[in-house]
Structures are given as C-alpha cells and as structure tokens.
Amino acid sequence: MMEAMALMEMASGGTSPSRQGAGTETSVPELEFRGGGAPWSLSGVSSSDALRHAEERVDNLEAKLKASETTHKKAEKDATAIEDLRQRLKML
C-alpha cells in the first residue's frame, strides 16, 4: 500500500502548497485492489507502465527545471546590467 501511495505522489507531482496551481498537477487513476498477481493496479494500468510514466514525468520536470534555472540566471544578469546602466546615467 505504501508503494501505491508513493507512486501516486510521484505521478501527481506532489501535493505541497508551493506546487499547487503551478501547472504540475496530473490526474491519478483510482487504485483498485485485486486478488492474485500484483497486489494492486492503477485501473487497468500495470505497475511497470505507471513507473515508466512517472520516470518520464520526472525527466520532463528535470528538463523544465534546468531551463527555468538558466532563464532565471539570465534574467538576474540582465537586471544587474540594467542597474549598472542606471547608475552610469545618473553620473552623467
């Protein structure tokens, strides 16, 4: 059961307040408990498919985070350059 909850957490992108409404939410199928075979499945989705999907989502989010960090660094540099120009204009 803990594995199912952890998988749901990974697939949903987390539930922390900082991520809510950040466009990272993903619907997660309801869990169905079945006898025999795997202890649980995700409404017709095998656990290996769910894990693959979660891993792909992690990869996509990591790529977005890297791009965001790069953009943030550039914006900081641009802001510093603008402030330097303002200081120079004041001296004129």
C-alpha atoms as a PDB file:
ATOM      1  CA  MET A   1       0.000   0.000   0.000  1.00  0.00           C
ATOM      2  CA  MET A   2       2.850   2.399   0.811  1.00  0.00           C
ATOM      3  CA  GLU A   3       4.304   1.762  -2.650  1.00  0.00           C
ATOM      4  CA  ALA A   4       0.972   2.688  -4.212  1.00  0.00           C
ATOM      5  CA  MET A   5       0.823   5.893  -2.204  1.00  0.00           C
ATOM      6  CA  ALA A   6       4.408   6.768  -3.137  1.00  0.00           C
ATOM      7  CA  LEU A   7       3.667   6.095  -6.801  1.00  0.00           C
ATOM      8  CA  MET A   8       0.570   8.278  -6.636  1.00  0.00           C
ATOM      9  CA  GLU A   9       2.647  11.051  -5.056  1.00  0.00           C
ATOM     10  CA  MET A  10       5.291  10.798  -7.796  1.00  0.00           C
ATOM     11  CA  ALA A  11       2.745  10.666 -10.599  1.00  0.00           C
ATOM     12  CA  SER A  12       0.815  13.637  -9.272  1.00  0.00           C
ATOM     13  CA  GLY A  13       3.857  15.863  -8.988  1.00  0.00           C
ATOM     14  CA  GLY A  14       3.427  16.244  -5.240  1.00  0.00           C
ATOM     15  CA  THR A  15       0.927  17.954  -3.022  1.00  0.00           C
ATOM     16  CA  SER A  16       2.988  20.697  -1.407  1.00  0.00           C
ATOM     17  CA  PRO A  17       1.314  24.126  -1.311  1.00  0.00           C
ATOM     18  CA  SER A  18       4.156  25.627  -3.344  1.00  0.00           C
ATOM     19  CA  ARG A  19       3.371  23.294  -6.257  1.00  0.00           C
ATOM     20  CA  GLN A  20      -0.427  23.513  -6.112  1.00  0.00           C
ATOM     21  CA  GLY A  21      -1.711  25.549  -9.009  1.00  0.00           C
ATOM     22  CA  ALA A  22       1.747  25.618 -10.583  1.00  0.00           C
ATOM     23  CA  GLY A  23       0.638  23.640 -13.603  1.00  0.00           C
ATOM     24  CA  THR A  24       2.317  20.465 -12.363  1.00  0.00           C
ATOM     25  CA  GLU A  25      -0.832  18.629 -11.322  1.00  0.00           C
ATOM     26  CA  THR A  26      -1.600  15.357 -13.048  1.00  0.00           C
ATOM     27  CA  SER A  27      -4.711  13.292 -12.560  1.00  0.00           C
ATOM     28  CA  VAL A  28      -4.014   9.929 -10.988  1.00  0.00           C
ATOM     29  CA  PRO A  29      -6.282   6.958 -11.626  1.00  0.00           C
ATOM     30  CA  GLU A  30      -8.057   5.437  -8.654  1.00  0.00           C
ATOM     31  CA  LEU A  31      -6.391   2.400  -7.100  1.00  0.00           C
ATOM     32  CA  GLU A  32      -8.159  -0.917  -7.404  1.00  0.00           C
ATOM     33  CA  PHE A  33      -7.148  -3.820  -5.200  1.00  0.00           C
ATOM     34  CA  ARG A  34      -7.362  -7.196  -6.862  1.00  0.00           C
ATOM     35  CA  GLY A  35      -6.734 -10.720  -5.730  1.00  0.00           C
ATOM     36  CA  GLY A  36      -3.819 -12.662  -7.223  1.00  0.00           C
ATOM     37  CA  GLY A  37      -0.946 -11.321  -9.298  1.00  0.00           C
ATOM     38  CA  ALA A  38       0.182  -7.817  -8.450  1.00  0.00           C
ATOM     39  CA  PRO A  39      -1.052  -6.560  -5.071  1.00  0.00           C
ATOM     40  CA  TRP A  40      -2.563  -3.508  -6.783  1.00  0.00           C
ATOM     41  CA  SER A  41      -3.027  -1.915 -10.149  1.00  0.00           C
ATOM     42  CA  LEU A  42      -3.969   1.546 -11.382  1.00  0.00           C
ATOM     43  CA  SER A  43      -7.337   0.992 -13.058  1.00  0.00           C
ATOM     44  CA  GLY A  44      -6.017  -1.146 -15.886  1.00  0.00           C
ATOM     45  CA  VAL A  45      -2.510   0.351 -15.921  1.00  0.00           C
ATOM     46  CA  SER A  46       0.246  -2.063 -14.995  1.00  0.00           C
ATOM     47  CA  SER A  47       2.674  -1.048 -12.282  1.00  0.00           C
ATOM     48  CA  SER A  48       5.548  -1.105 -14.791  1.00  0.00           C
ATOM     49  CA  ASP A  49       3.628   1.277 -17.098  1.00  0.00           C
ATOM     50  CA  ALA A  50       2.843   3.565 -14.165  1.00  0.00           C
ATOM     51  CA  LEU A  51       6.502   3.545 -13.130  1.00  0.00           C
ATOM     52  CA  ARG A  52       7.629   4.291 -16.693  1.00  0.00           C
ATOM     53  CA  HIS A  53       5.150   7.167 -16.855  1.00  0.00           C
ATOM     54  CA  ALA A  54       6.395   8.517 -13.514  1.00  0.00           C
ATOM     55  CA  GLU A  55      10.021   8.281 -14.680  1.00  0.00           C
ATOM     56  CA  GLU A  56       9.186  10.120 -17.923  1.00  0.00           C
ATOM     57  CA  ARG A  57       7.428  12.815 -15.901  1.00  0.00           C
ATOM     58  CA  VAL A  58      10.480  13.180 -13.645  1.00  0.00           C
ATOM     59  CA  ASP A  59      12.717  13.533 -16.716  1.00  0.00           C
ATOM     60  CA  ASN A  60      10.405  16.169 -18.219  1.00  0.00           C
ATOM     61  CA  LEU A  61      10.227  18.124 -14.968  1.00  0.00           C
ATOM     62  CA  GLU A  62      14.020  17.999 -14.579  1.00  0.00           C
ATOM     63  CA  ALA A  63      14.426  19.421 -18.094  1.00  0.00           C
ATOM     64  CA  LYS A  64      11.908  22.186 -17.341  1.00  0.00           C
ATOM     65  CA  LEU A  65      13.674  22.991 -14.078  1.00  0.00           C
ATOM     66  CA  LYS A  66      17.041  23.253 -15.830  1.00  0.00           C
ATOM     67  CA  ALA A  67      15.578  25.550 -18.488  1.00  0.00           C
ATOM     68  CA  SER A  68      13.925  27.654 -15.792  1.00  0.00           C
ATOM     69  CA  GLU A  69      17.176  27.955 -13.840  1.00  0.00           C
ATOM     70  CA  THR A  70      19.016  29.031 -16.997  1.00  0.00           C
ATOM     71  CA  THR A  71      16.354  31.650 -17.744  1.00  0.00           C
ATOM     72  CA  HIS A  72      16.480  32.866 -14.145  1.00  0.00           C
ATOM     73  CA  LYS A  73      20.271  33.301 -14.249  1.00  0.00           C
ATOM     74  CA  LYS A  74      19.985  35.266 -17.492  1.00  0.00           C
ATOM     75  CA  ALA A  75      17.272  37.487 -16.007  1.00  0.00           C
ATOM     76  CA  GLU A  76      19.479  38.180 -12.978  1.00  0.00           C
ATOM     77  CA  LYS A  77      22.380  39.162 -15.249  1.00  0.00           C
ATOM     78  CA  ASP A  78      20.098  41.401 -17.294  1.00  0.00           C
ATOM     79  CA  ALA A  79      18.771  43.076 -14.140  1.00  0.00           C
ATOM     80  CA  THR A  80      22.324  43.723 -12.934  1.00  0.00           C
ATOM     81  CA  ALA A  81      23.287  45.194 -16.298  1.00  0.00           C
ATOM     82  CA  ILE A  82      20.245  47.479 -16.255  1.00  0.00           C
ATOM     83  CA  GLU A  83      21.061  48.681 -12.761  1.00  0.00           C
ATOM     84  CA  ASP A  84      24.676  49.362 -13.816  1.00  0.00           C
ATOM     85  CA  LEU A  85      23.416  51.427 -16.772  1.00  0.00           C
ATOM     86  CA  ARG A  86      21.084  53.403 -14.492  1.00  0.00           C
ATOM     87  CA  GLN A  87      23.982  54.212 -12.176  1.00  0.00           C
ATOM     88  CA  ARG A  88      26.104  55.358 -15.116  1.00  0.00           C
ATOM     89  CA  LEU A  89      23.292  57.583 -16.414  1.00  0.00           C
ATOM     90  CA  LYS A  90      22.947  59.216 -13.013  1.00  0.00           C
ATOM     91  CA  MET A  91      26.636  60.137 -13.121  1.00  0.00           C
ATOM     92  CA  LEU A  92      26.262  61.962 -16.447  1.00  0.00           C
END
